[in-house]
N, C-alpha and C. Protein backbone atom coordinates (compact mmCIF):
# COMPACT_ATOMS: atom_id res chain seq x y z
N MET A 1 9.97 10.96 -30.13
CA MET A 1 10.35 10.43 -28.82
C MET A 1 9.66 11.18 -27.70
N SER A 2 9.81 12.52 -27.66
CA SER A 2 9.24 13.30 -26.57
C SER A 2 7.72 13.21 -26.55
N GLY A 3 7.09 13.15 -27.75
CA GLY A 3 5.64 13.05 -27.80
C GLY A 3 5.15 11.72 -27.25
N ASP A 4 5.83 10.63 -27.61
CA ASP A 4 5.43 9.31 -27.11
C ASP A 4 5.67 9.20 -25.61
N LEU A 5 6.78 9.75 -25.13
CA LEU A 5 7.08 9.71 -23.70
C LEU A 5 6.04 10.51 -22.92
N ALA A 6 5.71 11.70 -23.41
CA ALA A 6 4.72 12.53 -22.72
C ALA A 6 3.35 11.86 -22.71
N ALA A 7 2.98 11.24 -23.84
CA ALA A 7 1.70 10.53 -23.90
C ALA A 7 1.68 9.37 -22.91
N GLY A 8 2.80 8.68 -22.79
CA GLY A 8 2.88 7.59 -21.82
C GLY A 8 2.75 8.07 -20.39
N VAL A 9 3.40 9.19 -20.09
CA VAL A 9 3.29 9.77 -18.75
C VAL A 9 1.84 10.13 -18.43
N LEU A 10 1.17 10.76 -19.40
CA LEU A 10 -0.23 11.14 -19.20
C LEU A 10 -1.12 9.91 -19.01
N ALA A 11 -0.85 8.87 -19.80
CA ALA A 11 -1.63 7.64 -19.66
C ALA A 11 -1.42 7.00 -18.30
N GLY A 12 -0.16 6.95 -17.86
CA GLY A 12 0.14 6.37 -16.56
C GLY A 12 -0.52 7.12 -15.43
N LEU A 13 -0.50 8.45 -15.50
CA LEU A 13 -1.14 9.26 -14.46
C LEU A 13 -2.65 9.14 -14.52
N ALA A 14 -3.20 9.05 -15.73
CA ALA A 14 -4.66 8.94 -15.87
C ALA A 14 -5.19 7.67 -15.21
N VAL A 15 -4.41 6.61 -15.29
CA VAL A 15 -4.81 5.34 -14.67
C VAL A 15 -4.51 5.35 -13.17
N ALA A 16 -3.36 5.90 -12.80
CA ALA A 16 -2.89 5.76 -11.42
C ALA A 16 -3.54 6.73 -10.45
N MET A 17 -3.82 7.96 -10.87
CA MET A 17 -4.21 9.00 -9.93
C MET A 17 -5.59 8.82 -9.31
N PRO A 18 -6.60 8.35 -10.05
CA PRO A 18 -7.88 8.10 -9.37
C PRO A 18 -7.70 7.03 -8.29
N VAL A 19 -7.94 7.41 -7.03
CA VAL A 19 -7.69 6.48 -5.93
C VAL A 19 -8.89 5.56 -5.77
N GLY A 20 -8.81 4.40 -6.40
CA GLY A 20 -9.86 3.40 -6.29
C GLY A 20 -9.42 2.25 -5.42
N ALA A 21 -9.78 1.04 -5.85
CA ALA A 21 -9.45 -0.14 -5.05
C ALA A 21 -7.94 -0.32 -4.92
N ILE A 22 -7.21 -0.11 -6.00
CA ILE A 22 -5.77 -0.34 -5.98
C ILE A 22 -5.07 0.66 -5.07
N GLY A 23 -5.40 1.94 -5.25
CA GLY A 23 -4.77 2.97 -4.43
C GLY A 23 -5.11 2.82 -2.96
N GLY A 24 -6.37 2.54 -2.68
CA GLY A 24 -6.79 2.36 -1.29
C GLY A 24 -6.08 1.18 -0.64
N TYR A 25 -5.93 0.10 -1.39
CA TYR A 25 -5.25 -1.07 -0.84
C TYR A 25 -3.78 -0.77 -0.58
N LEU A 26 -3.15 -0.05 -1.49
CA LEU A 26 -1.74 0.29 -1.32
C LEU A 26 -1.50 1.12 -0.06
N VAL A 27 -2.36 2.11 0.16
CA VAL A 27 -2.22 2.96 1.35
C VAL A 27 -2.35 2.11 2.61
N GLY A 28 -3.38 1.27 2.65
CA GLY A 28 -3.57 0.41 3.81
C GLY A 28 -2.43 -0.58 4.00
N LEU A 29 -1.93 -1.12 2.89
CA LEU A 29 -0.82 -2.08 2.96
C LEU A 29 0.43 -1.42 3.52
N ALA A 30 0.73 -0.21 3.05
CA ALA A 30 1.92 0.50 3.51
C ALA A 30 1.81 0.86 4.99
N ALA A 31 0.58 1.08 5.46
CA ALA A 31 0.38 1.43 6.87
C ALA A 31 0.53 0.22 7.78
N ARG A 32 0.37 -1.00 7.24
CA ARG A 32 0.37 -2.20 8.08
C ARG A 32 1.64 -3.02 7.94
N GLU A 33 2.22 -3.02 6.75
CA GLU A 33 3.31 -3.95 6.46
C GLU A 33 4.66 -3.24 6.35
N ARG A 34 5.70 -4.04 6.15
CA ARG A 34 7.04 -3.48 5.96
C ARG A 34 7.08 -2.65 4.69
N LEU A 35 7.98 -1.66 4.69
CA LEU A 35 8.09 -0.76 3.54
C LEU A 35 8.50 -1.52 2.29
N SER A 36 9.35 -2.53 2.43
CA SER A 36 9.81 -3.29 1.27
C SER A 36 8.64 -3.98 0.56
N ALA A 37 7.69 -4.51 1.34
CA ALA A 37 6.53 -5.17 0.74
C ALA A 37 5.64 -4.14 0.04
N ALA A 38 5.47 -2.98 0.64
CA ALA A 38 4.64 -1.94 0.05
C ALA A 38 5.25 -1.41 -1.25
N VAL A 39 6.56 -1.23 -1.25
CA VAL A 39 7.24 -0.77 -2.47
C VAL A 39 7.10 -1.81 -3.58
N ALA A 40 7.27 -3.08 -3.23
CA ALA A 40 7.11 -4.15 -4.21
C ALA A 40 5.69 -4.16 -4.77
N ALA A 41 4.71 -3.92 -3.91
CA ALA A 41 3.32 -3.86 -4.37
C ALA A 41 3.12 -2.71 -5.35
N ALA A 42 3.70 -1.56 -5.03
CA ALA A 42 3.59 -0.40 -5.93
C ALA A 42 4.20 -0.71 -7.30
N LEU A 43 5.33 -1.39 -7.30
CA LEU A 43 5.97 -1.74 -8.57
C LEU A 43 5.16 -2.80 -9.32
N GLY A 44 4.40 -3.63 -8.58
CA GLY A 44 3.51 -4.58 -9.24
C GLY A 44 2.44 -3.86 -10.04
N VAL A 45 1.87 -2.81 -9.45
CA VAL A 45 0.87 -2.01 -10.17
C VAL A 45 1.49 -1.39 -11.42
N ALA A 46 2.66 -0.80 -11.26
CA ALA A 46 3.32 -0.14 -12.38
C ALA A 46 3.70 -1.13 -13.48
N THR A 47 4.04 -2.35 -13.09
CA THR A 47 4.37 -3.39 -14.08
C THR A 47 3.19 -3.68 -14.99
N VAL A 48 2.00 -3.83 -14.39
CA VAL A 48 0.81 -4.09 -15.20
C VAL A 48 0.47 -2.88 -16.06
N ASP A 49 0.60 -1.69 -15.50
CA ASP A 49 0.33 -0.49 -16.29
C ASP A 49 1.26 -0.41 -17.49
N GLY A 50 2.53 -0.76 -17.28
CA GLY A 50 3.47 -0.77 -18.40
C GLY A 50 3.12 -1.83 -19.43
N ALA A 51 2.71 -3.01 -18.97
CA ALA A 51 2.32 -4.08 -19.90
C ALA A 51 1.09 -3.68 -20.71
N TYR A 52 0.11 -3.07 -20.04
CA TYR A 52 -1.09 -2.63 -20.75
C TYR A 52 -0.76 -1.50 -21.73
N ALA A 53 0.23 -0.71 -21.41
CA ALA A 53 0.64 0.35 -22.33
C ALA A 53 1.17 -0.25 -23.63
N VAL A 54 1.92 -1.34 -23.52
CA VAL A 54 2.43 -2.02 -24.72
C VAL A 54 1.26 -2.56 -25.54
N VAL A 55 0.34 -3.26 -24.86
CA VAL A 55 -0.81 -3.84 -25.56
C VAL A 55 -1.64 -2.77 -26.23
N ALA A 56 -1.89 -1.69 -25.51
CA ALA A 56 -2.72 -0.61 -26.06
C ALA A 56 -2.03 0.07 -27.23
N SER A 57 -0.71 0.24 -27.14
CA SER A 57 0.02 0.88 -28.23
C SER A 57 0.00 0.04 -29.50
N LEU A 58 0.12 -1.26 -29.33
CA LEU A 58 0.20 -2.13 -30.50
C LEU A 58 -1.16 -2.46 -31.10
N GLY A 59 -2.21 -2.45 -30.28
CA GLY A 59 -3.51 -2.83 -30.81
C GLY A 59 -4.66 -2.05 -30.25
N GLY A 60 -4.45 -0.76 -30.02
CA GLY A 60 -5.48 0.06 -29.38
C GLY A 60 -6.82 0.06 -30.09
N ILE A 61 -6.82 0.18 -31.40
CA ILE A 61 -8.08 0.28 -32.14
C ILE A 61 -8.84 -1.03 -32.07
N GLY A 62 -8.18 -2.14 -32.36
CA GLY A 62 -8.86 -3.42 -32.30
C GLY A 62 -9.22 -3.83 -30.88
N LEU A 63 -8.45 -3.32 -29.93
CA LEU A 63 -8.68 -3.69 -28.54
C LEU A 63 -9.99 -3.14 -28.01
N GLY A 64 -10.42 -2.01 -28.55
CA GLY A 64 -11.66 -1.42 -28.08
C GLY A 64 -12.86 -2.33 -28.26
N SER A 65 -12.97 -2.96 -29.43
CA SER A 65 -14.10 -3.86 -29.68
C SER A 65 -13.98 -5.15 -28.87
N VAL A 66 -12.76 -5.65 -28.72
CA VAL A 66 -12.56 -6.86 -27.94
C VAL A 66 -12.93 -6.62 -26.49
N LEU A 67 -12.55 -5.46 -25.97
CA LEU A 67 -12.82 -5.14 -24.58
C LEU A 67 -14.31 -5.10 -24.29
N GLY A 68 -15.07 -4.60 -25.27
CA GLY A 68 -16.51 -4.56 -25.07
C GLY A 68 -17.12 -5.95 -24.89
N GLN A 69 -16.52 -6.95 -25.51
CA GLN A 69 -17.04 -8.31 -25.41
C GLN A 69 -16.65 -9.00 -24.11
N ILE A 70 -15.52 -8.59 -23.53
CA ILE A 70 -15.05 -9.27 -22.31
C ILE A 70 -15.19 -8.39 -21.08
N ALA A 71 -15.88 -7.27 -21.20
CA ALA A 71 -15.99 -6.34 -20.08
C ALA A 71 -16.66 -6.99 -18.87
N ARG A 72 -17.73 -7.76 -19.12
CA ARG A 72 -18.45 -8.38 -18.01
C ARG A 72 -17.60 -9.43 -17.29
N PRO A 73 -16.96 -10.35 -18.01
CA PRO A 73 -16.07 -11.31 -17.31
C PRO A 73 -14.95 -10.62 -16.54
N LEU A 74 -14.41 -9.53 -17.11
CA LEU A 74 -13.37 -8.80 -16.40
C LEU A 74 -13.90 -8.22 -15.09
N SER A 75 -15.12 -7.67 -15.14
CA SER A 75 -15.71 -7.09 -13.94
C SER A 75 -15.94 -8.15 -12.87
N MET A 76 -16.41 -9.31 -13.29
CA MET A 76 -16.64 -10.39 -12.33
C MET A 76 -15.32 -10.87 -11.72
N ALA A 77 -14.29 -10.99 -12.55
CA ALA A 77 -12.99 -11.41 -12.04
C ALA A 77 -12.43 -10.38 -11.07
N ALA A 78 -12.60 -9.11 -11.40
CA ALA A 78 -12.13 -8.05 -10.51
C ALA A 78 -12.83 -8.11 -9.17
N SER A 79 -14.14 -8.36 -9.19
CA SER A 79 -14.91 -8.44 -7.94
C SER A 79 -14.44 -9.60 -7.08
N VAL A 80 -14.19 -10.76 -7.71
CA VAL A 80 -13.73 -11.93 -6.96
C VAL A 80 -12.38 -11.66 -6.30
N VAL A 81 -11.47 -11.05 -7.05
CA VAL A 81 -10.14 -10.75 -6.51
C VAL A 81 -10.24 -9.76 -5.36
N LEU A 82 -11.06 -8.72 -5.53
CA LEU A 82 -11.22 -7.72 -4.47
C LEU A 82 -11.78 -8.33 -3.19
N VAL A 83 -12.79 -9.18 -3.34
CA VAL A 83 -13.39 -9.82 -2.17
C VAL A 83 -12.36 -10.72 -1.47
N ALA A 84 -11.62 -11.50 -2.25
CA ALA A 84 -10.62 -12.41 -1.67
C ALA A 84 -9.55 -11.64 -0.91
N VAL A 85 -9.06 -10.56 -1.51
CA VAL A 85 -8.02 -9.77 -0.85
C VAL A 85 -8.58 -9.08 0.40
N ALA A 86 -9.81 -8.59 0.32
CA ALA A 86 -10.43 -7.93 1.47
C ALA A 86 -10.59 -8.89 2.64
N VAL A 87 -11.08 -10.08 2.36
CA VAL A 87 -11.28 -11.09 3.41
C VAL A 87 -9.94 -11.48 4.03
N ARG A 88 -8.95 -11.71 3.19
CA ARG A 88 -7.62 -12.08 3.69
C ARG A 88 -7.02 -10.96 4.54
N THR A 89 -7.18 -9.73 4.09
CA THR A 89 -6.68 -8.58 4.84
C THR A 89 -7.29 -8.52 6.23
N LEU A 90 -8.60 -8.71 6.29
CA LEU A 90 -9.30 -8.65 7.58
C LEU A 90 -8.92 -9.81 8.48
N GLN A 91 -8.78 -11.01 7.91
CA GLN A 91 -8.39 -12.17 8.69
C GLN A 91 -7.03 -11.96 9.36
N LEU A 92 -6.06 -11.50 8.59
CA LEU A 92 -4.72 -11.29 9.13
C LEU A 92 -4.73 -10.19 10.19
N ALA A 93 -5.51 -9.14 9.95
CA ALA A 93 -5.57 -8.04 10.91
C ALA A 93 -6.17 -8.49 12.24
N VAL A 94 -7.25 -9.27 12.18
CA VAL A 94 -7.88 -9.77 13.41
C VAL A 94 -6.94 -10.71 14.15
N ARG A 95 -6.24 -11.54 13.41
CA ARG A 95 -5.29 -12.47 14.02
C ARG A 95 -4.19 -11.73 14.75
N ARG A 96 -3.67 -10.67 14.12
CA ARG A 96 -2.63 -9.88 14.77
C ARG A 96 -3.17 -9.13 15.99
N TYR A 97 -4.39 -8.66 15.90
CA TYR A 97 -4.99 -7.92 17.00
C TYR A 97 -5.20 -8.82 18.21
N ARG A 98 -5.63 -10.04 17.99
CA ARG A 98 -5.93 -10.96 19.09
C ARG A 98 -4.68 -11.56 19.72
N ARG A 99 -3.60 -11.56 18.97
CA ARG A 99 -2.37 -12.16 19.50
C ARG A 99 -1.81 -11.29 20.61
N ARG A 100 -1.54 -11.89 21.76
CA ARG A 100 -0.93 -11.19 22.87
C ARG A 100 0.57 -11.09 22.64
N PRO A 101 1.15 -9.91 22.88
CA PRO A 101 2.59 -9.75 22.67
C PRO A 101 3.41 -10.77 23.45
N GLY A 102 4.33 -11.43 22.75
CA GLY A 102 5.20 -12.39 23.41
C GLY A 102 4.61 -13.77 23.59
N VAL A 103 3.37 -13.96 23.15
CA VAL A 103 2.71 -15.26 23.30
C VAL A 103 2.51 -15.88 21.93
N GLY A 104 3.02 -17.09 21.74
CA GLY A 104 2.84 -17.79 20.47
C GLY A 104 3.75 -17.24 19.39
N PRO A 105 3.74 -17.90 18.24
CA PRO A 105 4.59 -17.44 17.14
C PRO A 105 4.12 -16.11 16.58
N ALA A 106 5.08 -15.31 16.18
CA ALA A 106 4.74 -14.01 15.59
C ALA A 106 4.06 -14.21 14.24
N PRO A 107 3.09 -13.36 13.91
CA PRO A 107 2.42 -13.50 12.62
C PRO A 107 3.38 -13.29 11.46
N ARG A 108 3.19 -14.04 10.41
CA ARG A 108 4.07 -13.94 9.25
C ARG A 108 3.84 -12.62 8.55
N LEU A 109 4.94 -11.93 8.24
CA LEU A 109 4.85 -10.66 7.52
C LEU A 109 4.72 -10.93 6.03
N LEU A 110 4.06 -10.03 5.37
CA LEU A 110 3.89 -10.15 3.92
C LEU A 110 5.22 -9.97 3.23
N THR A 111 5.59 -10.91 2.38
CA THR A 111 6.86 -10.81 1.66
C THR A 111 6.71 -9.88 0.47
N ALA A 112 7.85 -9.34 0.04
CA ALA A 112 7.83 -8.46 -1.11
C ALA A 112 7.34 -9.19 -2.36
N ARG A 113 7.75 -10.44 -2.52
CA ARG A 113 7.33 -11.22 -3.69
C ARG A 113 5.82 -11.40 -3.72
N ARG A 114 5.25 -11.76 -2.57
CA ARG A 114 3.81 -11.98 -2.53
C ARG A 114 3.04 -10.68 -2.75
N ALA A 115 3.55 -9.58 -2.19
CA ALA A 115 2.90 -8.29 -2.39
C ALA A 115 2.93 -7.90 -3.87
N TYR A 116 4.06 -8.13 -4.50
CA TYR A 116 4.21 -7.81 -5.93
C TYR A 116 3.22 -8.61 -6.77
N LEU A 117 3.14 -9.93 -6.53
CA LEU A 117 2.25 -10.78 -7.31
C LEU A 117 0.78 -10.48 -7.02
N THR A 118 0.46 -10.15 -5.77
CA THR A 118 -0.92 -9.83 -5.42
C THR A 118 -1.40 -8.59 -6.16
N LEU A 119 -0.57 -7.56 -6.19
CA LEU A 119 -0.97 -6.33 -6.88
C LEU A 119 -0.97 -6.49 -8.39
N ILE A 120 -0.15 -7.38 -8.92
CA ILE A 120 -0.23 -7.68 -10.35
C ILE A 120 -1.59 -8.28 -10.67
N ALA A 121 -2.02 -9.24 -9.84
CA ALA A 121 -3.31 -9.88 -10.07
C ALA A 121 -4.45 -8.88 -9.94
N MET A 122 -4.41 -8.04 -8.92
CA MET A 122 -5.48 -7.06 -8.71
C MET A 122 -5.56 -6.06 -9.87
N THR A 123 -4.41 -5.58 -10.31
CA THR A 123 -4.39 -4.57 -11.36
C THR A 123 -4.74 -5.16 -12.72
N ALA A 124 -4.32 -6.40 -12.96
CA ALA A 124 -4.53 -7.02 -14.26
C ALA A 124 -6.01 -7.20 -14.58
N VAL A 125 -6.84 -7.41 -13.56
CA VAL A 125 -8.27 -7.61 -13.81
C VAL A 125 -9.08 -6.35 -13.58
N ASN A 126 -8.39 -5.22 -13.44
CA ASN A 126 -9.08 -3.94 -13.25
C ASN A 126 -9.46 -3.38 -14.62
N PRO A 127 -10.74 -3.41 -14.98
CA PRO A 127 -11.14 -2.96 -16.32
C PRO A 127 -10.77 -1.51 -16.60
N ALA A 128 -10.77 -0.67 -15.56
CA ALA A 128 -10.48 0.75 -15.77
C ALA A 128 -9.08 0.97 -16.32
N THR A 129 -8.16 0.10 -15.97
CA THR A 129 -6.77 0.27 -16.42
C THR A 129 -6.66 0.18 -17.94
N ILE A 130 -7.14 -0.92 -18.49
CA ILE A 130 -6.99 -1.11 -19.94
C ILE A 130 -7.91 -0.19 -20.72
N VAL A 131 -9.09 0.14 -20.17
CA VAL A 131 -9.99 1.08 -20.86
C VAL A 131 -9.32 2.43 -21.02
N THR A 132 -8.64 2.88 -19.97
CA THR A 132 -7.98 4.18 -20.04
C THR A 132 -6.86 4.18 -21.07
N PHE A 133 -6.07 3.12 -21.11
CA PHE A 133 -4.99 3.06 -22.08
C PHE A 133 -5.52 3.03 -23.51
N VAL A 134 -6.59 2.28 -23.74
CA VAL A 134 -7.19 2.25 -25.08
C VAL A 134 -7.67 3.63 -25.47
N ALA A 135 -8.33 4.33 -24.54
CA ALA A 135 -8.84 5.68 -24.82
C ALA A 135 -7.70 6.63 -25.15
N VAL A 136 -6.59 6.54 -24.43
CA VAL A 136 -5.45 7.41 -24.68
C VAL A 136 -4.86 7.14 -26.05
N VAL A 137 -4.70 5.86 -26.37
CA VAL A 137 -4.11 5.50 -27.67
C VAL A 137 -5.01 5.96 -28.81
N LEU A 138 -6.32 5.75 -28.69
CA LEU A 138 -7.25 6.19 -29.72
C LEU A 138 -7.23 7.70 -29.85
N GLY A 139 -7.07 8.40 -28.73
CA GLY A 139 -7.03 9.86 -28.76
C GLY A 139 -5.76 10.39 -29.41
N ARG A 140 -4.68 9.64 -29.33
CA ARG A 140 -3.44 10.07 -29.95
C ARG A 140 -3.56 10.09 -31.46
N GLY A 141 -4.35 9.14 -31.99
CA GLY A 141 -4.56 9.09 -33.43
C GLY A 141 -3.27 8.98 -34.19
N ALA A 142 -3.15 9.81 -35.17
CA ALA A 142 -1.97 9.73 -36.06
C ALA A 142 -0.74 10.34 -35.44
N THR A 143 -0.89 11.04 -34.30
CA THR A 143 0.28 11.69 -33.72
C THR A 143 1.17 10.71 -32.98
N GLY A 144 0.63 9.57 -32.60
CA GLY A 144 1.42 8.59 -31.86
C GLY A 144 2.18 7.68 -32.80
N SER A 145 3.33 7.27 -32.39
CA SER A 145 4.15 6.39 -33.21
C SER A 145 3.92 4.94 -32.82
N SER A 146 3.78 4.08 -33.84
CA SER A 146 3.61 2.65 -33.59
C SER A 146 4.93 1.90 -33.81
N SER A 147 6.02 2.65 -34.02
CA SER A 147 7.32 2.01 -34.20
C SER A 147 7.78 1.42 -32.88
N GLY A 148 8.82 0.60 -32.96
CA GLY A 148 9.35 -0.01 -31.74
C GLY A 148 9.80 1.02 -30.74
N SER A 149 10.50 2.07 -31.21
CA SER A 149 10.97 3.10 -30.29
C SER A 149 9.81 3.90 -29.71
N GLY A 150 8.77 4.14 -30.55
CA GLY A 150 7.61 4.88 -30.05
C GLY A 150 6.89 4.13 -28.95
N VAL A 151 6.69 2.84 -29.16
CA VAL A 151 6.04 2.00 -28.15
C VAL A 151 6.89 1.95 -26.89
N ALA A 152 8.21 1.86 -27.05
CA ALA A 152 9.11 1.78 -25.90
C ALA A 152 9.04 3.05 -25.06
N TRP A 153 9.06 4.21 -25.73
CA TRP A 153 8.99 5.47 -24.98
C TRP A 153 7.63 5.64 -24.31
N PHE A 154 6.58 5.27 -25.00
CA PHE A 154 5.23 5.36 -24.42
C PHE A 154 5.13 4.47 -23.18
N THR A 155 5.65 3.25 -23.29
CA THR A 155 5.61 2.31 -22.18
C THR A 155 6.45 2.81 -21.00
N ALA A 156 7.64 3.34 -21.31
CA ALA A 156 8.50 3.86 -20.24
C ALA A 156 7.83 5.01 -19.51
N GLY A 157 7.16 5.87 -20.26
CA GLY A 157 6.46 6.99 -19.63
C GLY A 157 5.33 6.52 -18.74
N ALA A 158 4.55 5.55 -19.23
CA ALA A 158 3.42 5.03 -18.45
C ALA A 158 3.91 4.32 -17.20
N PHE A 159 4.93 3.48 -17.34
CA PHE A 159 5.46 2.76 -16.19
C PHE A 159 6.04 3.72 -15.16
N GLY A 160 6.84 4.69 -15.62
CA GLY A 160 7.48 5.62 -14.70
C GLY A 160 6.47 6.48 -13.95
N ALA A 161 5.49 7.01 -14.67
CA ALA A 161 4.48 7.85 -14.03
C ALA A 161 3.67 7.06 -13.02
N SER A 162 3.28 5.85 -13.40
CA SER A 162 2.51 5.00 -12.49
C SER A 162 3.33 4.66 -11.25
N ALA A 163 4.60 4.29 -11.45
CA ALA A 163 5.46 3.91 -10.32
C ALA A 163 5.63 5.07 -9.35
N VAL A 164 5.86 6.26 -9.88
CA VAL A 164 6.04 7.43 -9.00
C VAL A 164 4.79 7.69 -8.18
N TRP A 165 3.62 7.62 -8.83
CA TRP A 165 2.38 7.89 -8.10
C TRP A 165 2.10 6.81 -7.05
N GLN A 166 2.30 5.56 -7.42
CA GLN A 166 2.06 4.48 -6.45
C GLN A 166 3.01 4.60 -5.27
N LEU A 167 4.25 4.99 -5.51
CA LEU A 167 5.21 5.15 -4.42
C LEU A 167 4.84 6.33 -3.53
N LEU A 168 4.22 7.36 -4.10
CA LEU A 168 3.72 8.47 -3.28
C LEU A 168 2.61 7.98 -2.35
N LEU A 169 1.73 7.11 -2.87
CA LEU A 169 0.68 6.53 -2.03
C LEU A 169 1.29 5.68 -0.92
N VAL A 170 2.32 4.93 -1.27
CA VAL A 170 3.00 4.11 -0.26
C VAL A 170 3.60 5.00 0.83
N GLY A 171 4.20 6.11 0.42
CA GLY A 171 4.76 7.03 1.41
C GLY A 171 3.70 7.58 2.34
N GLY A 172 2.54 7.93 1.79
CA GLY A 172 1.45 8.42 2.63
C GLY A 172 0.94 7.34 3.57
N GLY A 173 0.81 6.13 3.06
CA GLY A 173 0.35 5.03 3.90
C GLY A 173 1.33 4.71 5.01
N SER A 174 2.62 4.75 4.68
CA SER A 174 3.65 4.48 5.68
C SER A 174 3.60 5.52 6.80
N ALA A 175 3.40 6.79 6.42
CA ALA A 175 3.28 7.85 7.43
C ALA A 175 2.07 7.63 8.31
N LEU A 176 0.96 7.21 7.69
CA LEU A 176 -0.25 6.91 8.46
C LEU A 176 0.00 5.77 9.45
N GLY A 177 0.72 4.76 9.01
CA GLY A 177 1.02 3.64 9.88
C GLY A 177 1.86 4.03 11.09
N ARG A 178 2.76 5.01 10.90
CA ARG A 178 3.58 5.47 12.03
C ARG A 178 2.73 6.22 13.06
N VAL A 179 1.68 6.88 12.59
CA VAL A 179 0.79 7.60 13.50
C VAL A 179 -0.08 6.62 14.27
N LEU A 180 -0.62 5.62 13.56
CA LEU A 180 -1.49 4.63 14.17
C LEU A 180 -0.72 3.34 14.42
N ARG A 181 0.17 3.37 15.37
CA ARG A 181 1.05 2.22 15.61
C ARG A 181 0.36 1.14 16.46
N GLY A 182 -0.58 1.54 17.29
CA GLY A 182 -1.19 0.59 18.21
C GLY A 182 -1.98 -0.50 17.51
N ARG A 183 -2.30 -1.54 18.26
CA ARG A 183 -3.04 -2.66 17.68
C ARG A 183 -4.41 -2.22 17.18
N ARG A 184 -5.07 -1.36 17.93
CA ARG A 184 -6.39 -0.90 17.51
C ARG A 184 -6.30 -0.04 16.24
N GLY A 185 -5.27 0.78 16.19
CA GLY A 185 -5.09 1.60 15.00
C GLY A 185 -4.84 0.76 13.76
N GLN A 186 -3.99 -0.26 13.90
CA GLN A 186 -3.70 -1.14 12.78
C GLN A 186 -4.94 -1.93 12.36
N LEU A 187 -5.73 -2.35 13.36
CA LEU A 187 -6.97 -3.07 13.03
C LEU A 187 -7.95 -2.16 12.31
N ALA A 188 -8.01 -0.89 12.74
CA ALA A 188 -8.91 0.07 12.10
C ALA A 188 -8.51 0.32 10.65
N ILE A 189 -7.20 0.43 10.41
CA ILE A 189 -6.71 0.64 9.04
C ILE A 189 -7.09 -0.53 8.15
N ALA A 190 -6.83 -1.75 8.66
CA ALA A 190 -7.15 -2.94 7.89
C ALA A 190 -8.66 -3.05 7.64
N GLY A 191 -9.46 -2.74 8.66
CA GLY A 191 -10.91 -2.80 8.50
C GLY A 191 -11.42 -1.80 7.47
N ALA A 192 -10.87 -0.59 7.52
CA ALA A 192 -11.27 0.42 6.55
C ALA A 192 -10.88 0.01 5.14
N SER A 193 -9.67 -0.51 4.98
CA SER A 193 -9.20 -0.96 3.67
C SER A 193 -10.07 -2.08 3.13
N ALA A 194 -10.39 -3.07 3.99
CA ALA A 194 -11.22 -4.19 3.56
C ALA A 194 -12.62 -3.74 3.20
N THR A 195 -13.17 -2.81 3.98
CA THR A 195 -14.52 -2.31 3.71
C THR A 195 -14.59 -1.59 2.37
N ILE A 196 -13.58 -0.77 2.10
CA ILE A 196 -13.53 -0.06 0.82
C ILE A 196 -13.47 -1.04 -0.34
N MET A 197 -12.63 -2.07 -0.21
CA MET A 197 -12.50 -3.05 -1.29
C MET A 197 -13.79 -3.84 -1.51
N LEU A 198 -14.46 -4.20 -0.41
CA LEU A 198 -15.73 -4.92 -0.54
C LEU A 198 -16.78 -4.04 -1.21
N GLY A 199 -16.82 -2.76 -0.82
CA GLY A 199 -17.77 -1.84 -1.45
C GLY A 199 -17.51 -1.68 -2.93
N LEU A 200 -16.23 -1.57 -3.29
CA LEU A 200 -15.88 -1.42 -4.71
C LEU A 200 -16.18 -2.71 -5.47
N ALA A 201 -16.01 -3.86 -4.82
CA ALA A 201 -16.32 -5.13 -5.48
C ALA A 201 -17.80 -5.21 -5.83
N VAL A 202 -18.63 -4.78 -4.91
CA VAL A 202 -20.07 -4.76 -5.17
C VAL A 202 -20.42 -3.77 -6.28
N ALA A 203 -19.77 -2.59 -6.22
CA ALA A 203 -20.04 -1.57 -7.22
C ALA A 203 -19.64 -2.04 -8.62
N VAL A 204 -18.46 -2.69 -8.71
CA VAL A 204 -18.00 -3.20 -10.01
C VAL A 204 -18.94 -4.28 -10.53
N LEU A 205 -19.42 -5.12 -9.65
CA LEU A 205 -20.25 -6.25 -10.06
C LEU A 205 -21.61 -5.80 -10.58
N PHE A 206 -22.14 -4.70 -10.05
CA PHE A 206 -23.50 -4.29 -10.40
C PHE A 206 -23.53 -3.04 -11.29
N THR A 207 -22.40 -2.73 -11.93
CA THR A 207 -22.39 -1.62 -12.87
C THR A 207 -22.20 -2.13 -14.28
């Protein structure tokens, strides 16, 4: 039990801690949107990490060869999702910036449900996530348990570690948003987030 739980925690942290497209988007989201939406987004990331932990635990060895065959389509899908989210982020930010206070309808805030589903989609097509879980499972070798309880503890560890880290990013982003409350500050945050995602989309596509 303790070995599977610890392995899951390490796997969750290995995927979550490198601040790439997902982490950068979470920080920017928390700085711009309501805390409830940012928390839901963080749990969306952790949900996918937990699901991949199950898949990797049950079929880690066979998954390695399959992943090699679908790596390119996954990269292309990840790039498309990143570009779409970046463009949408920038559009909403510009719209909010141009809107004069008290004039016209207030811009729609991101709902928790939409934030959750958006981050599920972004994380699900992130090749680094499943590659890391496969590597961890292969590294465990004979020490890892493939029983139902072993998989459950591994998954719980991965989900919990990922959720804690993503929520820490949300906390940092929320603090940043309180510092940059003005319209220009919010636009700058959104622009920086969108630029990072576009850059990562290009990098993923050409690697």
